[in-house]
């Protein structure tokens, strides 16, 4: 589960522009979709 780490980022006041978990298609596919 990733919710705890994301919650910590948010509560730390970090400006999050985009988040994406790297499931089907992996890192490359996620970044291509974002780009």
ModelCIF file with pLDDT and N, C-alpha, C, O atoms, coordinates in Angstrom:
data_MODEL
#
_entry.id   MODEL 
#
_entity.id                         1 
_entity.type                       polymer 
_entity.pdbx_number_of_molecules   1 
#
_entity_poly.entity_id                      1 
_entity_poly.type                           'polypeptide(L)' 
_entity_poly.nstd_linkage                   no 
_entity_poly.nstd_monomer                   no 
_entity_poly.pdbx_seq_one_letter_code       
;(UNK)(UNK)(UNK)(UNK)(UNK)(UNK)(UNK)(UNK)(UNK)(UNK)(UNK)(UNK)(UNK)(UNK)(UNK)(UNK)
(UNK)(UNK)(UNK)(UNK)(UNK)(UNK)(UNK)(UNK)(UNK)(UNK)(UNK)(UNK)(UNK)(UNK)(UNK)(UNK)
(UNK)(UNK)(UNK)
;
_entity_poly.pdbx_seq_one_letter_code_can   XXXXXXXXXXXXXXXXXXXXXXXXXXXXXXXXXXX 
_entity_poly.pdbx_strand_id                 A 
#
loop_
_entity_poly_seq.entity_id 
_entity_poly_seq.num 
_entity_poly_seq.mon_id 
_entity_poly_seq.hetero 
1 1  UNK n 
1 2  UNK n 
1 3  UNK n 
1 4  UNK n 
1 5  UNK n 
1 6  UNK n 
1 7  UNK n 
1 8  UNK n 
1 9  UNK n 
1 10 UNK n 
1 11 UNK n 
1 12 UNK n 
1 13 UNK n 
1 14 UNK n 
1 15 UNK n 
1 16 UNK n 
1 17 UNK n 
1 18 UNK n 
1 19 UNK n 
1 20 UNK n 
1 21 UNK n 
1 22 UNK n 
1 23 UNK n 
1 24 UNK n 
1 25 UNK n 
1 26 UNK n 
1 27 UNK n 
1 28 UNK n 
1 29 UNK n 
1 30 UNK n 
1 31 UNK n 
1 32 UNK n 
1 33 UNK n 
1 34 UNK n 
1 35 UNK n 
#
_struct_asym.id          A 
_struct_asym.entity_id   1 
#
loop_
_ma_qa_metric.id 
_ma_qa_metric.mode 
_ma_qa_metric.name 
_ma_qa_metric.software_group_id 
_ma_qa_metric.type 
1 global pLDDT . pLDDT 
2 local  pLDDT . pLDDT 
#
_ma_qa_metric_global.metric_id      1 
_ma_qa_metric_global.metric_value   95.74 
_ma_qa_metric_global.model_id       1 
_ma_qa_metric_global.ordinal_id     1 
#
loop_
_ma_qa_metric_local.label_asym_id 
_ma_qa_metric_local.label_comp_id 
_ma_qa_metric_local.label_seq_id 
_ma_qa_metric_local.metric_id 
_ma_qa_metric_local.metric_value 
_ma_qa_metric_local.model_id 
_ma_qa_metric_local.ordinal_id 
A UNK 1  2 97.00 1 1  
A UNK 2  2 98.00 1 2  
A UNK 3  2 97.00 1 3  
A UNK 4  2 97.00 1 4  
A UNK 5  2 98.00 1 5  
A UNK 6  2 98.00 1 6  
A UNK 7  2 97.00 1 7  
A UNK 8  2 97.00 1 8  
A UNK 9  2 98.00 1 9  
A UNK 10 2 97.00 1 10 
A UNK 11 2 95.00 1 11 
A UNK 12 2 95.00 1 12 
A UNK 13 2 95.00 1 13 
A UNK 14 2 97.00 1 14 
A UNK 15 2 97.00 1 15 
A UNK 16 2 98.00 1 16 
A UNK 17 2 97.00 1 17 
A UNK 18 2 97.00 1 18 
A UNK 19 2 97.00 1 19 
A UNK 20 2 97.00 1 20 
A UNK 21 2 96.00 1 21 
A UNK 22 2 96.00 1 22 
A UNK 23 2 93.00 1 23 
A UNK 24 2 86.00 1 24 
A UNK 25 2 90.00 1 25 
A UNK 26 2 94.00 1 26 
A UNK 27 2 97.00 1 27 
A UNK 28 2 96.00 1 28 
A UNK 29 2 94.00 1 29 
A UNK 30 2 95.00 1 30 
A UNK 31 2 97.00 1 31 
A UNK 32 2 95.00 1 32 
A UNK 33 2 93.00 1 33 
A UNK 34 2 95.00 1 34 
A UNK 35 2 95.00 1 35 
#
loop_
_atom_site.group_PDB 
_atom_site.id 
_atom_site.type_symbol 
_atom_site.label_atom_id 
_atom_site.label_alt_id 
_atom_site.label_comp_id 
_atom_site.label_asym_id 
_atom_site.label_entity_id 
_atom_site.label_seq_id 
_atom_site.pdbx_PDB_ins_code 
_atom_site.Cartn_x 
_atom_site.Cartn_y 
_atom_site.Cartn_z 
_atom_site.occupancy 
_atom_site.B_iso_or_equiv 
_atom_site.pdbx_formal_charge 
_atom_site.auth_seq_id 
_atom_site.auth_comp_id 
_atom_site.auth_asym_id 
_atom_site.auth_atom_id 
_atom_site.pdbx_PDB_model_num 
ATOM 1   N N  . UNK A 1 1  ? 0.833  -1.198 0.000   1.00 97.00 ? 1  UNK A N  1 
ATOM 2   C CA . UNK A 1 1  ? 0.000  0.000  0.000   1.00 97.00 ? 1  UNK A CA 1 
ATOM 3   C C  . UNK A 1 1  ? 0.872  1.255  0.000   1.00 97.00 ? 1  UNK A C  1 
ATOM 4   O O  . UNK A 1 1  ? 1.915  1.291  0.653   1.00 97.00 ? 1  UNK A O  1 
ATOM 5   N N  . UNK A 1 2  ? 0.446  2.272  -0.727  1.00 98.00 ? 2  UNK A N  1 
ATOM 6   C CA . UNK A 1 2  ? 1.232  3.505  -0.874  1.00 98.00 ? 2  UNK A CA 1 
ATOM 7   C C  . UNK A 1 2  ? 0.590  4.709  -0.190  1.00 98.00 ? 2  UNK A C  1 
ATOM 8   O O  . UNK A 1 2  ? 1.156  5.802  -0.198  1.00 98.00 ? 2  UNK A O  1 
ATOM 9   N N  . UNK A 1 3  ? -0.580 4.516  0.396   1.00 97.00 ? 3  UNK A N  1 
ATOM 10  C CA . UNK A 1 3  ? -1.317 5.661  0.941   1.00 97.00 ? 3  UNK A CA 1 
ATOM 11  C C  . UNK A 1 3  ? -0.555 6.361  2.058   1.00 97.00 ? 3  UNK A C  1 
ATOM 12  O O  . UNK A 1 3  ? -0.593 7.588  2.148   1.00 97.00 ? 3  UNK A O  1 
ATOM 13  N N  . UNK A 1 4  ? 0.130  5.615  2.903   1.00 97.00 ? 4  UNK A N  1 
ATOM 14  C CA . UNK A 1 4  ? 0.828  6.237  4.025   1.00 97.00 ? 4  UNK A CA 1 
ATOM 15  C C  . UNK A 1 4  ? 1.941  7.162  3.548   1.00 97.00 ? 4  UNK A C  1 
ATOM 16  O O  . UNK A 1 4  ? 2.112  8.258  4.083   1.00 97.00 ? 4  UNK A O  1 
ATOM 17  N N  . UNK A 1 5  ? 2.701  6.723  2.538   1.00 98.00 ? 5  UNK A N  1 
ATOM 18  C CA . UNK A 1 5  ? 3.793  7.565  2.039   1.00 98.00 ? 5  UNK A CA 1 
ATOM 19  C C  . UNK A 1 5  ? 3.257  8.800  1.330   1.00 98.00 ? 5  UNK A C  1 
ATOM 20  O O  . UNK A 1 5  ? 3.821  9.886  1.465   1.00 98.00 ? 5  UNK A O  1 
ATOM 21  N N  . UNK A 1 6  ? 2.164  8.645  0.569   1.00 98.00 ? 6  UNK A N  1 
ATOM 22  C CA . UNK A 1 6  ? 1.574  9.801  -0.104  1.00 98.00 ? 6  UNK A CA 1 
ATOM 23  C C  . UNK A 1 6  ? 0.999  10.777 0.927   1.00 98.00 ? 6  UNK A C  1 
ATOM 24  O O  . UNK A 1 6  ? 1.164  11.989 0.790   1.00 98.00 ? 6  UNK A O  1 
ATOM 25  N N  . UNK A 1 7  ? 0.329  10.259 1.951   1.00 97.00 ? 7  UNK A N  1 
ATOM 26  C CA . UNK A 1 7  ? -0.219 11.127 2.991   1.00 97.00 ? 7  UNK A CA 1 
ATOM 27  C C  . UNK A 1 7  ? 0.882  11.916 3.682   1.00 97.00 ? 7  UNK A C  1 
ATOM 28  O O  . UNK A 1 7  ? 0.702  13.085 4.021   1.00 97.00 ? 7  UNK A O  1 
ATOM 29  N N  . UNK A 1 8  ? 2.012  11.274 3.885   1.00 97.00 ? 8  UNK A N  1 
ATOM 30  C CA . UNK A 1 8  ? 3.129  11.975 4.527   1.00 97.00 ? 8  UNK A CA 1 
ATOM 31  C C  . UNK A 1 8  ? 3.660  13.101 3.647   1.00 97.00 ? 8  UNK A C  1 
ATOM 32  O O  . UNK A 1 8  ? 4.007  14.172 4.145   1.00 97.00 ? 8  UNK A O  1 
ATOM 33  N N  . UNK A 1 9  ? 3.723  12.857 2.334   1.00 98.00 ? 9  UNK A N  1 
ATOM 34  C CA . UNK A 1 9  ? 4.136  13.921 1.412   1.00 98.00 ? 9  UNK A CA 1 
ATOM 35  C C  . UNK A 1 9  ? 3.175  15.109 1.485   1.00 98.00 ? 9  UNK A C  1 
ATOM 36  O O  . UNK A 1 9  ? 3.597  16.264 1.531   1.00 98.00 ? 9  UNK A O  1 
ATOM 37  N N  . UNK A 1 10 ? 1.892  14.807 1.495   1.00 97.00 ? 10 UNK A N  1 
ATOM 38  C CA . UNK A 1 10 ? 0.888  15.872 1.522   1.00 97.00 ? 10 UNK A CA 1 
ATOM 39  C C  . UNK A 1 10 ? 0.953  16.641 2.839   1.00 97.00 ? 10 UNK A C  1 
ATOM 40  O O  . UNK A 1 10 ? 0.920  17.871 2.847   1.00 97.00 ? 10 UNK A O  1 
ATOM 41  N N  . UNK A 1 11 ? 1.044  15.923 3.933   1.00 95.00 ? 11 UNK A N  1 
ATOM 42  C CA . UNK A 1 11 ? 1.065  16.576 5.245   1.00 95.00 ? 11 UNK A CA 1 
ATOM 43  C C  . UNK A 1 11 ? 2.373  17.337 5.475   1.00 95.00 ? 11 UNK A C  1 
ATOM 44  O O  . UNK A 1 11 ? 2.434  18.223 6.327   1.00 95.00 ? 11 UNK A O  1 
ATOM 45  N N  . UNK A 1 12 ? 3.409  16.997 4.724   1.00 95.00 ? 12 UNK A N  1 
ATOM 46  C CA . UNK A 1 12 ? 4.680  17.727 4.820   1.00 95.00 ? 12 UNK A CA 1 
ATOM 47  C C  . UNK A 1 12 ? 4.638  19.043 4.058   1.00 95.00 ? 12 UNK A C  1 
ATOM 48  O O  . UNK A 1 12 ? 5.580  19.834 4.117   1.00 95.00 ? 12 UNK A O  1 
ATOM 49  N N  . UNK A 1 13 ? 3.536  19.274 3.339   1.00 95.00 ? 13 UNK A N  1 
ATOM 50  C CA . UNK A 1 13 ? 3.389  20.524 2.604   1.00 95.00 ? 13 UNK A CA 1 
ATOM 51  C C  . UNK A 1 13 ? 4.099  20.544 1.266   1.00 95.00 ? 13 UNK A C  1 
ATOM 52  O O  . UNK A 1 13 ? 4.286  21.614 0.686   1.00 95.00 ? 13 UNK A O  1 
ATOM 53  N N  . UNK A 1 14 ? 4.502  19.373 0.758   1.00 97.00 ? 14 UNK A N  1 
ATOM 54  C CA . UNK A 1 14 ? 5.180  19.304 -0.537  1.00 97.00 ? 14 UNK A CA 1 
ATOM 55  C C  . UNK A 1 14 ? 4.151  19.516 -1.646  1.00 97.00 ? 14 UNK A C  1 
ATOM 56  O O  . UNK A 1 14 ? 3.080  18.909 -1.629  1.00 97.00 ? 14 UNK A O  1 
ATOM 57  N N  . UNK A 1 15 ? 4.471  20.359 -2.590  1.00 97.00 ? 15 UNK A N  1 
ATOM 58  C CA . UNK A 1 15 ? 3.563  20.654 -3.707  1.00 97.00 ? 15 UNK A CA 1 
ATOM 59  C C  . UNK A 1 15 ? 3.631  19.502 -4.713  1.00 97.00 ? 15 UNK A C  1 
ATOM 60  O O  . UNK A 1 15 ? 4.618  19.355 -5.434  1.00 97.00 ? 15 UNK A O  1 
ATOM 61  N N  . UNK A 1 16 ? 2.593  18.704 -4.751  1.00 98.00 ? 16 UNK A N  1 
ATOM 62  C CA . UNK A 1 16 ? 2.545  17.541 -5.632  1.00 98.00 ? 16 UNK A CA 1 
ATOM 63  C C  . UNK A 1 16 ? 1.790  17.904 -6.898  1.00 98.00 ? 16 UNK A C  1 
ATOM 64  O O  . UNK A 1 16 ? 0.590  18.174 -6.853  1.00 98.00 ? 16 UNK A O  1 
ATOM 65  N N  . UNK A 1 17 ? 2.489  17.912 -8.032  1.00 97.00 ? 17 UNK A N  1 
ATOM 66  C CA . UNK A 1 17 ? 1.817  18.227 -9.291  1.00 97.00 ? 17 UNK A CA 1 
ATOM 67  C C  . UNK A 1 17 ? 1.143  16.996 -9.881  1.00 97.00 ? 17 UNK A C  1 
ATOM 68  O O  . UNK A 1 17 ? 0.027  17.077 -10.394 1.00 97.00 ? 17 UNK A O  1 
ATOM 69  N N  . UNK A 1 18 ? 1.828  15.851 -9.805  1.00 97.00 ? 18 UNK A N  1 
ATOM 70  C CA . UNK A 1 18 ? 1.258  14.620 -10.365 1.00 97.00 ? 18 UNK A CA 1 
ATOM 71  C C  . UNK A 1 18 ? 1.820  13.420 -9.620  1.00 97.00 ? 18 UNK A C  1 
ATOM 72  O O  . UNK A 1 18 ? 2.991  13.399 -9.241  1.00 97.00 ? 18 UNK A O  1 
ATOM 73  N N  . UNK A 1 19 ? 0.974  12.426 -9.416  1.00 97.00 ? 19 UNK A N  1 
ATOM 74  C CA . UNK A 1 19 ? 1.366  11.144 -8.852  1.00 97.00 ? 19 UNK A CA 1 
ATOM 75  C C  . UNK A 1 19 ? 0.864  10.048 -9.789  1.00 97.00 ? 19 UNK A C  1 
ATOM 76  O O  . UNK A 1 19 ? -0.199 10.179 -10.396 1.00 97.00 ? 19 UNK A O  1 
ATOM 77  N N  . UNK A 1 20 ? 1.628  8.983  -9.901  1.00 97.00 ? 20 UNK A N  1 
ATOM 78  C CA . UNK A 1 20 ? 1.167  7.864  -10.733 1.00 97.00 ? 20 UNK A CA 1 
ATOM 79  C C  . UNK A 1 20 ? 1.816  6.577  -10.240 1.00 97.00 ? 20 UNK A C  1 
ATOM 80  O O  . UNK A 1 20 ? 3.040  6.504  -10.134 1.00 97.00 ? 20 UNK A O  1 
ATOM 81  N N  . UNK A 1 21 ? 1.013  5.563  -9.937  1.00 96.00 ? 21 UNK A N  1 
ATOM 82  C CA . UNK A 1 21 ? 1.592  4.266  -9.594  1.00 96.00 ? 21 UNK A CA 1 
ATOM 83  C C  . UNK A 1 21 ? 1.950  3.533  -10.873 1.00 96.00 ? 21 UNK A C  1 
ATOM 84  O O  . UNK A 1 21 ? 1.306  3.704  -11.908 1.00 96.00 ? 21 UNK A O  1 
ATOM 85  N N  . UNK A 1 22 ? 2.988  2.712  -10.783 1.00 96.00 ? 22 UNK A N  1 
ATOM 86  C CA . UNK A 1 22 ? 3.619  2.164  -11.994 1.00 96.00 ? 22 UNK A CA 1 
ATOM 87  C C  . UNK A 1 22 ? 3.168  0.733  -12.226 1.00 96.00 ? 22 UNK A C  1 
ATOM 88  O O  . UNK A 1 22 ? 3.958  -0.203 -12.105 1.00 96.00 ? 22 UNK A O  1 
ATOM 89  N N  . UNK A 1 23 ? 1.906  0.570  -12.557 1.00 93.00 ? 23 UNK A N  1 
ATOM 90  C CA . UNK A 1 23 ? 1.353  -0.765 -12.731 1.00 93.00 ? 23 UNK A CA 1 
ATOM 91  C C  . UNK A 1 23 ? 1.565  -1.229 -14.176 1.00 93.00 ? 23 UNK A C  1 
ATOM 92  O O  . UNK A 1 23 ? 2.694  -1.221 -14.666 1.00 93.00 ? 23 UNK A O  1 
ATOM 93  N N  . UNK A 1 24 ? 0.504  -1.628 -14.853 1.00 86.00 ? 24 UNK A N  1 
ATOM 94  C CA . UNK A 1 24 ? 0.654  -2.193 -16.193 1.00 86.00 ? 24 UNK A CA 1 
ATOM 95  C C  . UNK A 1 24 ? 1.390  -1.220 -17.118 1.00 86.00 ? 24 UNK A C  1 
ATOM 96  O O  . UNK A 1 24 ? 1.020  -0.051 -17.225 1.00 86.00 ? 24 UNK A O  1 
ATOM 97  N N  . UNK A 1 25 ? 2.427  -1.714 -17.777 1.00 90.00 ? 25 UNK A N  1 
ATOM 98  C CA . UNK A 1 25 ? 3.231  -0.865 -18.654 1.00 90.00 ? 25 UNK A CA 1 
ATOM 99  C C  . UNK A 1 25 ? 4.422  -0.241 -17.979 1.00 90.00 ? 25 UNK A C  1 
ATOM 100 O O  . UNK A 1 25 ? 5.303  0.293  -18.652 1.00 90.00 ? 25 UNK A O  1 
ATOM 101 N N  . UNK A 1 26 ? 4.470  -0.296 -16.642 1.00 94.00 ? 26 UNK A N  1 
ATOM 102 C CA . UNK A 1 26 ? 5.642  0.134  -15.909 1.00 94.00 ? 26 UNK A CA 1 
ATOM 103 C C  . UNK A 1 26 ? 5.940  1.620  -15.954 1.00 94.00 ? 26 UNK A C  1 
ATOM 104 O O  . UNK A 1 26 ? 5.089  2.437  -16.306 1.00 94.00 ? 26 UNK A O  1 
ATOM 105 N N  . UNK A 1 27 ? 7.166  1.948  -15.590 1.00 97.00 ? 27 UNK A N  1 
ATOM 106 C CA . UNK A 1 27 ? 7.618  3.335  -15.496 1.00 97.00 ? 27 UNK A CA 1 
ATOM 107 C C  . UNK A 1 27 ? 7.507  4.055  -16.829 1.00 97.00 ? 27 UNK A C  1 
ATOM 108 O O  . UNK A 1 27 ? 7.018  5.184  -16.880 1.00 97.00 ? 27 UNK A O  1 
ATOM 109 N N  . UNK A 1 28 ? 7.947  3.430  -17.898 1.00 96.00 ? 28 UNK A N  1 
ATOM 110 C CA . UNK A 1 28 ? 7.965  4.099  -19.203 1.00 96.00 ? 28 UNK A CA 1 
ATOM 111 C C  . UNK A 1 28 ? 6.557  4.480  -19.647 1.00 96.00 ? 28 UNK A C  1 
ATOM 112 O O  . UNK A 1 28 ? 6.332  5.609  -20.083 1.00 96.00 ? 28 UNK A O  1 
ATOM 113 N N  . UNK A 1 29 ? 5.610  3.556  -19.541 1.00 94.00 ? 29 UNK A N  1 
ATOM 114 C CA . UNK A 1 29 ? 4.249  3.837  -19.994 1.00 94.00 ? 29 UNK A CA 1 
ATOM 115 C C  . UNK A 1 29 ? 3.613  4.946  -19.174 1.00 94.00 ? 29 UNK A C  1 
ATOM 116 O O  . UNK A 1 29 ? 2.947  5.821  -19.729 1.00 94.00 ? 29 UNK A O  1 
ATOM 117 N N  . UNK A 1 30 ? 3.809  4.922  -17.855 1.00 95.00 ? 30 UNK A N  1 
ATOM 118 C CA . UNK A 1 30 ? 3.250  5.968  -16.998 1.00 95.00 ? 30 UNK A CA 1 
ATOM 119 C C  . UNK A 1 30 ? 3.771  7.341  -17.395 1.00 95.00 ? 30 UNK A C  1 
ATOM 120 O O  . UNK A 1 30 ? 3.005  8.301  -17.468 1.00 95.00 ? 30 UNK A O  1 
ATOM 121 N N  . UNK A 1 31 ? 5.062  7.437  -17.649 1.00 97.00 ? 31 UNK A N  1 
ATOM 122 C CA . UNK A 1 31 ? 5.650  8.731  -17.996 1.00 97.00 ? 31 UNK A CA 1 
ATOM 123 C C  . UNK A 1 31 ? 5.231  9.200  -19.385 1.00 97.00 ? 31 UNK A C  1 
ATOM 124 O O  . UNK A 1 31 ? 5.028  10.394 -19.603 1.00 97.00 ? 31 UNK A O  1 
ATOM 125 N N  . UNK A 1 32 ? 5.101  8.273  -20.317 1.00 95.00 ? 32 UNK A N  1 
ATOM 126 C CA . UNK A 1 32 ? 4.629  8.651  -21.656 1.00 95.00 ? 32 UNK A CA 1 
ATOM 127 C C  . UNK A 1 32 ? 3.215  9.210  -21.575 1.00 95.00 ? 32 UNK A C  1 
ATOM 128 O O  . UNK A 1 32 ? 2.915  10.220 -22.211 1.00 95.00 ? 32 UNK A O  1 
ATOM 129 N N  . UNK A 1 33 ? 2.344  8.570  -20.803 1.00 93.00 ? 33 UNK A N  1 
ATOM 130 C CA . UNK A 1 33 ? 0.974  9.062  -20.648 1.00 93.00 ? 33 UNK A CA 1 
ATOM 131 C C  . UNK A 1 33 ? 0.956  10.449 -20.009 1.00 93.00 ? 33 UNK A C  1 
ATOM 132 O O  . UNK A 1 33 ? 0.177  11.309 -20.419 1.00 93.00 ? 33 UNK A O  1 
ATOM 133 N N  . UNK A 1 34 ? 1.802  10.671 -19.017 1.00 95.00 ? 34 UNK A N  1 
ATOM 134 C CA . UNK A 1 34 ? 1.871  11.986 -18.369 1.00 95.00 ? 34 UNK A CA 1 
ATOM 135 C C  . UNK A 1 34 ? 2.403  13.035 -19.328 1.00 95.00 ? 34 UNK A C  1 
ATOM 136 O O  . UNK A 1 34 ? 1.866  14.140 -19.399 1.00 95.00 ? 34 UNK A O  1 
ATOM 137 N N  . UNK A 1 35 ? 3.455  12.699 -20.068 1.00 95.00 ? 35 UNK A N  1 
ATOM 138 C CA . UNK A 1 35 ? 4.045  13.656 -21.006 1.00 95.00 ? 35 UNK A CA 1 
ATOM 139 C C  . UNK A 1 35 ? 3.041  14.071 -22.075 1.00 95.00 ? 35 UNK A C  1 
ATOM 140 O O  . UNK A 1 35 ? 3.367  14.873 -22.950 1.00 95.00 ? 35 UNK A O  1 
#
